[in-house]
């Protein structure tokens, strides 16, 4: 079962790499907002898959912190977009 979880985690990591391509090519701020959300949710999913192994329960705490940081990051991007790109 461990191999299945690791292979799913690797597949999710490939989706994050595809998201990096979208960040580089996406000229619109909305693309970057969506990819940031993808990074957060995929990172949480990978950490939770790896936390299912015995002795790695602390990764659940890390997944919770990543989820909170992803939410804050998206809120920051949306506020930046609402201000028209101004820092104020």
PDB file of N, CA and C in Angstrom:
ATOM      1  N   UNK A   1       0.825  -1.195   0.000  1.00  0.00           N
ATOM      2  CA  UNK A   1       0.000   0.000   0.000  1.00  0.00           C
ATOM      3  C   UNK A   1       0.872   1.265   0.000  1.00  0.00           C
ATOM      4  N   UNK A   2       2.047   1.140   0.591  1.00  0.00           N
ATOM      5  CA  UNK A   2       2.961   2.272   0.636  1.00  0.00           C
ATOM      6  C   UNK A   2       3.344   2.713  -0.782  1.00  0.00           C
ATOM      7  N   UNK A   3       3.589   1.762  -1.659  1.00  0.00           N
ATOM      8  CA  UNK A   3       3.993   2.090  -3.022  1.00  0.00           C
ATOM      9  C   UNK A   3       2.891   2.819  -3.774  1.00  0.00           C
ATOM     10  N   UNK A   4       1.648   2.459  -3.499  1.00  0.00           N
ATOM     11  CA  UNK A   4       0.516   3.121  -4.163  1.00  0.00           C
ATOM     12  C   UNK A   4       0.441   4.578  -3.729  1.00  0.00           C
ATOM     13  N   UNK A   5       0.589   4.806  -2.422  1.00  0.00           N
ATOM     14  CA  UNK A   5       0.537   6.189  -1.922  1.00  0.00           C
ATOM     15  C   UNK A   5       1.680   7.026  -2.477  1.00  0.00           C
ATOM     16  N   UNK A   6       2.866   6.447  -2.551  1.00  0.00           N
ATOM     17  CA  UNK A   6       4.014   7.189  -3.072  1.00  0.00           C
ATOM     18  C   UNK A   6       3.831   7.479  -4.559  1.00  0.00           C
ATOM     19  N   UNK A   7       3.298   6.537  -5.304  1.00  0.00           N
ATOM     20  CA  UNK A   7       3.095   6.787  -6.736  1.00  0.00           C
ATOM     21  C   UNK A   7       2.016   7.841  -6.963  1.00  0.00           C
ATOM     22  N   UNK A   8       0.987   7.852  -6.151  1.00  0.00           N
ATOM     23  CA  UNK A   8      -0.022   8.910  -6.262  1.00  0.00           C
ATOM     24  C   UNK A   8       0.590  10.261  -5.900  1.00  0.00           C
ATOM     25  N   UNK A   9       1.437  10.288  -4.879  1.00  0.00           N
ATOM     26  CA  UNK A   9       2.110  11.532  -4.486  1.00  0.00           C
ATOM     27  C   UNK A   9       3.018  12.031  -5.611  1.00  0.00           C
ATOM     28  N   UNK A  10       3.691  11.122  -6.291  1.00  0.00           N
ATOM     29  CA  UNK A  10       4.535  11.533  -7.417  1.00  0.00           C
ATOM     30  C   UNK A  10       3.698  12.084  -8.567  1.00  0.00           C
ATOM     31  N   UNK A  11       2.541  11.473  -8.817  1.00  0.00           N
ATOM     32  CA  UNK A  11       1.645  11.999  -9.849  1.00  0.00           C
ATOM     33  C   UNK A  11       1.175  13.405  -9.494  1.00  0.00           C
ATOM     34  N   UNK A  12       0.846  13.612  -8.237  1.00  0.00           N
ATOM     35  CA  UNK A  12       0.429  14.951  -7.810  1.00  0.00           C
ATOM     36  C   UNK A  12       1.582  15.948  -7.934  1.00  0.00           C
ATOM     37  N   UNK A  13       2.785  15.490  -7.687  1.00  0.00           N
ATOM     38  CA  UNK A  13       3.948  16.359  -7.860  1.00  0.00           C
ATOM     39  C   UNK A  13       4.120  16.760  -9.317  1.00  0.00           C
ATOM     40  N   UNK A  14       3.803  15.857 -10.229  1.00  0.00           N
ATOM     41  CA  UNK A  14       3.851  16.195 -11.655  1.00  0.00           C
ATOM     42  C   UNK A  14       2.818  17.256 -12.016  1.00  0.00           C
ATOM     43  N   UNK A  15       1.658  17.228 -11.366  1.00  0.00           N
ATOM     44  CA  UNK A  15       0.666  18.276 -11.633  1.00  0.00           C
ATOM     45  C   UNK A  15       1.149  19.629 -11.140  1.00  0.00           C
ATOM     46  N   UNK A  16       1.910  19.626 -10.041  1.00  0.00           N
ATOM     47  CA  UNK A  16       2.488  20.885  -9.558  1.00  0.00           C
ATOM     48  C   UNK A  16       3.506  21.412 -10.564  1.00  0.00           C
ATOM     49  N   UNK A  17       4.295  20.516 -11.140  1.00  0.00           N
ATOM     50  CA  UNK A  17       5.263  20.945 -12.155  1.00  0.00           C
ATOM     51  C   UNK A  17       4.545  21.506 -13.385  1.00  0.00           C
ATOM     52  N   UNK A  18       3.416  20.912 -13.757  1.00  0.00           N
ATOM     53  CA  UNK A  18       2.626  21.463 -14.858  1.00  0.00           C
ATOM     54  C   UNK A  18       2.087  22.846 -14.490  1.00  0.00           C
ATOM     55  N   UNK A  19       1.766  23.041 -13.229  1.00  0.00           N
ATOM     56  CA  UNK A  19       1.331  24.355 -12.769  1.00  0.00           C
ATOM     57  C   UNK A  19       2.434  25.391 -12.857  1.00  0.00           C
ATOM     58  N   UNK A  20       3.664  24.979 -12.635  1.00  0.00           N
ATOM     59  CA  UNK A  20       4.792  25.905 -12.775  1.00  0.00           C
ATOM     60  C   UNK A  20       4.922  26.404 -14.206  1.00  0.00           C
ATOM     61  N   UNK A  21       4.649  25.525 -15.150  1.00  0.00           N
ATOM     62  CA  UNK A  21       4.658  25.941 -16.551  1.00  0.00           C
ATOM     63  C   UNK A  21       3.579  26.989 -16.784  1.00  0.00           C
ATOM     64  N   UNK A  22       2.410  26.785 -16.175  1.00  0.00           N
ATOM     65  CA  UNK A  22       1.315  27.753 -16.344  1.00  0.00           C
ATOM     66  C   UNK A  22       1.662  29.093 -15.715  1.00  0.00           C
ATOM     67  N   UNK A  23       2.384  29.085 -14.618  1.00  0.00           N
ATOM     68  CA  UNK A  23       2.800  30.349 -13.993  1.00  0.00           C
ATOM     69  C   UNK A  23       3.730  31.104 -14.928  1.00  0.00           C
ATOM     70  N   UNK A  24       4.643  30.382 -15.551  1.00  0.00           N
ATOM     71  CA  UNK A  24       5.597  31.026 -16.452  1.00  0.00           C
ATOM     72  C   UNK A  24       4.920  31.564 -17.708  1.00  0.00           C
ATOM     73  N   UNK A  25       3.912  30.861 -18.204  1.00  0.00           N
ATOM     74  CA  UNK A  25       3.263  31.261 -19.448  1.00  0.00           C
ATOM     75  C   UNK A  25       2.043  32.153 -19.225  1.00  0.00           C
ATOM     76  N   UNK A  26       1.464  32.103 -18.028  1.00  0.00           N
ATOM     77  CA  UNK A  26       0.221  32.828 -17.775  1.00  0.00           C
ATOM     78  C   UNK A  26       0.440  34.302 -17.551  1.00  0.00           C
ATOM     79  N   UNK A  27       0.051  35.119 -18.502  1.00  0.00           N
ATOM     80  CA  UNK A  27       0.274  36.551 -18.336  1.00  0.00           C
ATOM     81  C   UNK A  27      -0.747  37.216 -17.415  1.00  0.00           C
ATOM     82  N   UNK A  28      -1.797  36.513 -17.090  1.00  0.00           N
ATOM     83  CA  UNK A  28      -2.884  37.103 -16.315  1.00  0.00           C
ATOM     84  C   UNK A  28      -2.710  36.745 -14.839  1.00  0.00           C
ATOM     85  N   UNK A  29      -3.045  37.687 -13.966  1.00  0.00           N
ATOM     86  CA  UNK A  29      -2.932  37.456 -12.529  1.00  0.00           C
ATOM     87  C   UNK A  29      -3.865  36.338 -12.079  1.00  0.00           C
ATOM     88  N   UNK A  30      -5.007  36.185 -12.740  1.00  0.00           N
ATOM     89  CA  UNK A  30      -5.945  35.126 -12.371  1.00  0.00           C
ATOM     90  C   UNK A  30      -5.322  33.743 -12.551  1.00  0.00           C
ATOM     91  N   UNK A  31      -4.478  33.574 -13.561  1.00  0.00           N
ATOM     92  CA  UNK A  31      -3.783  32.298 -13.745  1.00  0.00           C
ATOM     93  C   UNK A  31      -2.874  32.013 -12.557  1.00  0.00           C
ATOM     94  N   UNK A  32      -2.201  33.017 -12.102  1.00  0.00           N
ATOM     95  CA  UNK A  32      -1.288  32.835 -10.979  1.00  0.00           C
ATOM     96  C   UNK A  32      -2.049  32.551  -9.687  1.00  0.00           C
ATOM     97  N   UNK A  33      -3.219  33.158  -9.538  1.00  0.00           N
ATOM     98  CA  UNK A  33      -4.044  32.887  -8.356  1.00  0.00           C
ATOM     99  C   UNK A  33      -4.489  31.434  -8.342  1.00  0.00           C
ATOM    100  N   UNK A  34      -4.946  30.939  -9.477  1.00  0.00           N
ATOM    101  CA  UNK A  34      -5.403  29.554  -9.546  1.00  0.00           C
ATOM    102  C   UNK A  34      -4.268  28.566  -9.328  1.00  0.00           C
ATOM    103  N   UNK A  35      -3.102  28.863  -9.865  1.00  0.00           N
ATOM    104  CA  UNK A  35      -1.965  27.964  -9.675  1.00  0.00           C
ATOM    105  C   UNK A  35      -1.517  27.979  -8.220  1.00  0.00           C
ATOM    106  N   UNK A  36      -1.603  29.112  -7.562  1.00  0.00           N
ATOM    107  CA  UNK A  36      -1.269  29.170  -6.140  1.00  0.00           C
ATOM    108  C   UNK A  36      -2.208  28.278  -5.344  1.00  0.00           C
ATOM    109  N   UNK A  37      -3.479  28.300  -5.678  1.00  0.00           N
ATOM    110  CA  UNK A  37      -4.437  27.426  -5.009  1.00  0.00           C
ATOM    111  C   UNK A  37      -4.128  25.957  -5.315  1.00  0.00           C
ATOM    112  N   UNK A  38      -3.725  25.676  -6.556  1.00  0.00           N
ATOM    113  CA  UNK A  38      -3.324  24.318  -6.925  1.00  0.00           C
ATOM    114  C   UNK A  38      -2.135  23.856  -6.102  1.00  0.00           C
ATOM    115  N   UNK A  39      -1.142  24.726  -5.923  1.00  0.00           N
ATOM    116  CA  UNK A  39       0.034  24.368  -5.128  1.00  0.00           C
ATOM    117  C   UNK A  39      -0.370  24.033  -3.694  1.00  0.00           C
ATOM    118  N   UNK A  40      -1.248  24.841  -3.140  1.00  0.00           N
ATOM    119  CA  UNK A  40      -1.662  24.613  -1.753  1.00  0.00           C
ATOM    120  C   UNK A  40      -2.418  23.319  -1.571  1.00  0.00           C
ATOM    121  N   UNK A  41      -3.425  23.088  -2.400  1.00  0.00           N
ATOM    122  CA  UNK A  41      -4.230  21.879  -2.235  1.00  0.00           C
ATOM    123  C   UNK A  41      -3.440  20.625  -2.587  1.00  0.00           C
ATOM    124  N   UNK A  42      -2.600  20.704  -3.610  1.00  0.00           N
ATOM    125  CA  UNK A  42      -1.797  19.541  -3.981  1.00  0.00           C
ATOM    126  C   UNK A  42      -0.741  19.257  -2.912  1.00  0.00           C
ATOM    127  N   UNK A  43      -0.161  20.292  -2.376  1.00  0.00           N
ATOM    128  CA  UNK A  43       0.815  20.096  -1.302  1.00  0.00           C
ATOM    129  C   UNK A  43       0.188  19.444  -0.082  1.00  0.00           C
ATOM    130  N   UNK A  44      -1.017  19.860   0.259  1.00  0.00           N
ATOM    131  CA  UNK A  44      -1.723  19.251   1.382  1.00  0.00           C
ATOM    132  C   UNK A  44      -2.033  17.790   1.078  1.00  0.00           C
ATOM    133  N   UNK A  45      -2.475  17.507  -0.148  1.00  0.00           N
ATOM    134  CA  UNK A  45      -2.790  16.124  -0.520  1.00  0.00           C
ATOM    135  C   UNK A  45      -1.547  15.234  -0.458  1.00  0.00           C
ATOM    136  N   UNK A  46      -0.424  15.739  -0.943  1.00  0.00           N
ATOM    137  CA  UNK A  46       0.813  14.956  -0.904  1.00  0.00           C
ATOM    138  C   UNK A  46       1.233  14.694   0.542  1.00  0.00           C
ATOM    139  N   UNK A  47       1.166  15.712   1.371  1.00  0.00           N
ATOM    140  CA  UNK A  47       1.553  15.528   2.770  1.00  0.00           C
ATOM    141  C   UNK A  47       0.636  14.547   3.493  1.00  0.00           C
ATOM    142  N   UNK A  48      -0.660  14.598   3.202  1.00  0.00           N
ATOM    143  CA  UNK A  48      -1.583  13.665   3.846  1.00  0.00           C
ATOM    144  C   UNK A  48      -1.376  12.238   3.358  1.00  0.00           C
ATOM    145  N   UNK A  49      -1.035  12.073   2.092  1.00  0.00           N
ATOM    146  CA  UNK A  49      -0.717  10.734   1.596  1.00  0.00           C
ATOM    147  C   UNK A  49       0.517  10.165   2.292  1.00  0.00           C
ATOM    148  N   UNK A  50       1.512  10.994   2.454  1.00  0.00           N
ATOM    149  CA  UNK A  50       2.738  10.538   3.107  1.00  0.00           C
ATOM    150  C   UNK A  50       2.549  10.360   4.613  1.00  0.00           C
ATOM    151  N   UNK A  51       1.594  11.083   5.209  1.00  0.00           N
ATOM    152  CA  UNK A  51       1.344  10.967   6.645  1.00  0.00           C
ATOM    153  C   UNK A  51       0.636   9.668   6.998  1.00  0.00           C
ATOM    154  N   UNK A  52       0.100   8.968   6.009  1.00  0.00           N
ATOM    155  CA  UNK A  52      -0.594   7.709   6.280  1.00  0.00           C
ATOM    156  C   UNK A  52       0.372   6.591   6.664  1.00  0.00           C
ATOM    157  N   UNK A  53       1.650   6.768   6.392  1.00  0.00           N
ATOM    158  CA  UNK A  53       2.643   5.767   6.788  1.00  0.00           C
ATOM    159  C   UNK A  53       2.832   5.804   8.304  1.00  0.00           C
ATOM    160  N   UNK A  54       3.103   4.657   8.901  1.00  0.00           N
ATOM    161  CA  UNK A  54       3.335   4.640  10.350  1.00  0.00           C
ATOM    162  C   UNK A  54       4.558   5.481  10.730  1.00  0.00           C
ATOM    163  N   UNK A  55       4.404   6.244  11.787  1.00  0.00           N
ATOM    164  CA  UNK A  55       5.509   7.053  12.280  1.00  0.00           C
ATOM    165  C   UNK A  55       5.643   8.408  11.620  1.00  0.00           C
ATOM    166  N   UNK A  56       4.750   8.737  10.709  1.00  0.00           N
ATOM    167  CA  UNK A  56       4.836  10.034  10.022  1.00  0.00           C
ATOM    168  C   UNK A  56       3.591  10.881  10.276  1.00  0.00           C
ATOM    169  N   UNK A  57       2.999  10.710  11.430  1.00  0.00           N
ATOM    170  CA  UNK A  57       1.787  11.440  11.777  1.00  0.00           C
ATOM    171  C   UNK A  57       1.985  12.943  11.885  1.00  0.00           C
ATOM    172  N   UNK A  58       3.214  13.365  12.139  1.00  0.00           N
ATOM    173  CA  UNK A  58       3.468  14.805  12.271  1.00  0.00           C
ATOM    174  C   UNK A  58       3.289  15.534  10.935  1.00  0.00           C
ATOM    175  N   UNK A  59       3.297  14.789   9.825  1.00  0.00           N
ATOM    176  CA  UNK A  59       3.071  15.436   8.533  1.00  0.00           C
ATOM    177  C   UNK A  59       1.644  15.983   8.414  1.00  0.00           C
ATOM    178  N   UNK A  60       0.726  15.455   9.222  1.00  0.00           N
ATOM    179  CA  UNK A  60      -0.632  16.008   9.233  1.00  0.00           C
ATOM    180  C   UNK A  60      -0.621  17.451   9.743  1.00  0.00           C
ATOM    181  N   UNK A  61       0.204  17.706  10.745  1.00  0.00           N
ATOM    182  CA  UNK A  61       0.326  19.068  11.262  1.00  0.00           C
ATOM    183  C   UNK A  61       0.926  19.990  10.210  1.00  0.00           C
ATOM    184  N   UNK A  62       1.912  19.499   9.498  1.00  0.00           N
ATOM    185  CA  UNK A  62       2.520  20.294   8.428  1.00  0.00           C
ATOM    186  C   UNK A  62       1.500  20.567   7.331  1.00  0.00           C
ATOM    187  N   UNK A  63       0.660  19.573   7.020  1.00  0.00           N
ATOM    188  CA  UNK A  63      -0.380  19.753   6.003  1.00  0.00           C
ATOM    189  C   UNK A  63      -1.372  20.829   6.433  1.00  0.00           C
ATOM    190  N   UNK A  64      -1.697  20.871   7.712  1.00  0.00           N
ATOM    191  CA  UNK A  64      -2.605  21.897   8.214  1.00  0.00           C
ATOM    192  C   UNK A  64      -1.995  23.291   8.065  1.00  0.00           C
ATOM    193  N   UNK A  65      -0.729  23.423   8.372  1.00  0.00           N
ATOM    194  CA  UNK A  65      -0.047  24.716   8.232  1.00  0.00           C
ATOM    195  C   UNK A  65       0.010  25.127   6.760  1.00  0.00           C
ATOM    196  N   UNK A  66       0.300  24.177   5.866  1.00  0.00           N
ATOM    197  CA  UNK A  66       0.336  24.486   4.427  1.00  0.00           C
ATOM    198  C   UNK A  66      -1.038  24.923   3.947  1.00  0.00           C
ATOM    199  N   UNK A  67      -2.091  24.288   4.430  1.00  0.00           N
ATOM    200  CA  UNK A  67      -3.446  24.676   4.031  1.00  0.00           C
ATOM    201  C   UNK A  67      -3.768  26.101   4.482  1.00  0.00           C
ATOM    202  N   UNK A  68      -3.376  26.431   5.692  1.00  0.00           N
ATOM    203  CA  UNK A  68      -3.617  27.797   6.177  1.00  0.00           C
ATOM    204  C   UNK A  68      -2.808  28.830   5.402  1.00  0.00           C
ATOM    205  N   UNK A  69      -1.559  28.510   5.113  1.00  0.00           N
ATOM    206  CA  UNK A  69      -0.731  29.441   4.342  1.00  0.00           C
ATOM    207  C   UNK A  69      -1.245  29.603   2.911  1.00  0.00           C
ATOM    208  N   UNK A  70      -1.765  28.536   2.326  1.00  0.00           N
ATOM    209  CA  UNK A  70      -2.316  28.626   0.976  1.00  0.00           C
ATOM    210  C   UNK A  70      -3.539  29.536   0.955  1.00  0.00           C
ATOM    211  N   UNK A  71      -4.369  29.436   1.975  1.00  0.00           N
ATOM    212  CA  UNK A  71      -5.543  30.302   2.038  1.00  0.00           C
ATOM    213  C   UNK A  71      -5.133  31.765   2.181  1.00  0.00           C
ATOM    214  N   UNK A  72      -4.156  32.040   3.018  1.00  0.00           N
ATOM    215  CA  UNK A  72      -3.672  33.415   3.188  1.00  0.00           C
ATOM    216  C   UNK A  72      -3.053  33.928   1.890  1.00  0.00           C
ATOM    217  N   UNK A  73      -2.342  33.063   1.195  1.00  0.00           N
ATOM    218  CA  UNK A  73      -1.707  33.447  -0.058  1.00  0.00           C
ATOM    219  C   UNK A  73      -2.745  33.817  -1.109  1.00  0.00           C
ATOM    220  N   UNK A  74      -3.808  33.051  -1.212  1.00  0.00           N
ATOM    221  CA  UNK A  74      -4.855  33.346  -2.185  1.00  0.00           C
ATOM    222  C   UNK A  74      -5.562  34.646  -1.825  1.00  0.00           C
ATOM    223  N   UNK A  75      -5.818  34.852  -0.554  1.00  0.00           N
ATOM    224  CA  UNK A  75      -6.455  36.109  -0.131  1.00  0.00           C
ATOM    225  C   UNK A  75      -5.571  37.294  -0.488  1.00  0.00           C
ATOM    226  N   UNK A  76      -4.274  37.160  -0.305  1.00  0.00           N
ATOM    227  CA  UNK A  76      -3.342  38.235  -0.649  1.00  0.00           C
ATOM    228  C   UNK A  76      -3.365  38.520  -2.144  1.00  0.00           C
ATOM    229  N   UNK A  77      -3.358  37.472  -2.965  1.00  0.00           N
ATOM    230  CA  UNK A  77      -3.423  37.664  -4.414  1.00  0.00           C
ATOM    231  C   UNK A  77      -4.724  38.344  -4.834  1.00  0.00           C
ATOM    232  N   UNK A  78      -5.823  37.943  -4.233  1.00  0.00           N
ATOM    233  CA  UNK A  78      -7.110  38.533  -4.599  1.00  0.00           C
ATOM    234  C   UNK A  78      -7.156  40.001  -4.197  1.00  0.00           C
ATOM    235  N   UNK A  79      -6.629  40.330  -3.034  1.00  0.00           N
ATOM    236  CA  UNK A  79      -6.597  41.739  -2.623  1.00  0.00           C
ATOM    237  C   UNK A  79      -5.703  42.560  -3.543  1.00  0.00           C
ATOM    238  N   UNK A  80      -4.600  41.964  -3.987  1.00  0.00           N
ATOM    239  CA  UNK A  80      -3.718  42.637  -4.920  1.00  0.00           C
ATOM    240  C   UNK A  80      -4.429  42.868  -6.254  1.00  0.00           C
ATOM    241  N   UNK A  81      -5.175  41.880  -6.717  1.00  0.00           N
ATOM    242  CA  UNK A  81      -5.905  42.022  -7.968  1.00  0.00           C
ATOM    243  C   UNK A  81      -7.029  43.042  -7.853  1.00  0.00           C
ATOM    244  N   UNK A  82      -7.662  43.111  -6.696  1.00  0.00           N
ATOM    245  CA  UNK A  82      -8.750  44.058  -6.485  1.00  0.00           C
ATOM    246  C   UNK A  82      -8.237  45.506  -6.462  1.00  0.00           C
ATOM    247  N   UNK A  83      -7.004  45.683  -6.022  1.00  0.00           N
ATOM    248  CA  UNK A  83      -6.405  47.031  -6.000  1.00  0.00           C
ATOM    249  C   UNK A  83      -5.784  47.415  -7.323  1.00  0.00           C
ATOM    250  N   UNK A  84      -5.895  46.568  -8.309  1.00  0.00           N
ATOM    251  CA  UNK A  84      -5.333  46.873  -9.616  1.00  0.00           C
ATOM    252  C   UNK A  84      -3.834  46.735  -9.675  1.00  0.00           C
ATOM    253  N   UNK A  85      -3.251  45.948  -8.785  1.00  0.00           N
ATOM    254  CA  UNK A  85      -1.807  45.749  -8.782  1.00  0.00           C
ATOM    255  C   UNK A  85      -1.056  46.747  -7.929  1.00  0.00           C
ATOM    256  N   UNK A  86      -1.752  47.680  -7.291  1.00  0.00           N
ATOM    257  CA  UNK A  86      -1.096  48.635  -6.405  1.00  0.00           C
ATOM    258  C   UNK A  86      -0.799  47.973  -5.064  1.00  0.00           C
ATOM    259  N   UNK A  87       0.262  48.390  -4.422  1.00  0.00           N
ATOM    260  CA  UNK A  87       0.641  47.798  -3.137  1.00  0.00           C
ATOM    261  C   UNK A  87      -0.128  48.405  -1.976  1.00  0.00           C
ATOM    262  N   UNK A  88      -0.826  49.456  -2.163  1.00  0.00           N
ATOM    263  CA  UNK A  88      -1.503  50.134  -1.047  1.00  0.00           C
ATOM    264  C   UNK A  88      -2.854  49.626  -0.820  1.00  0.00           C
TER     265      UNK A  88
END
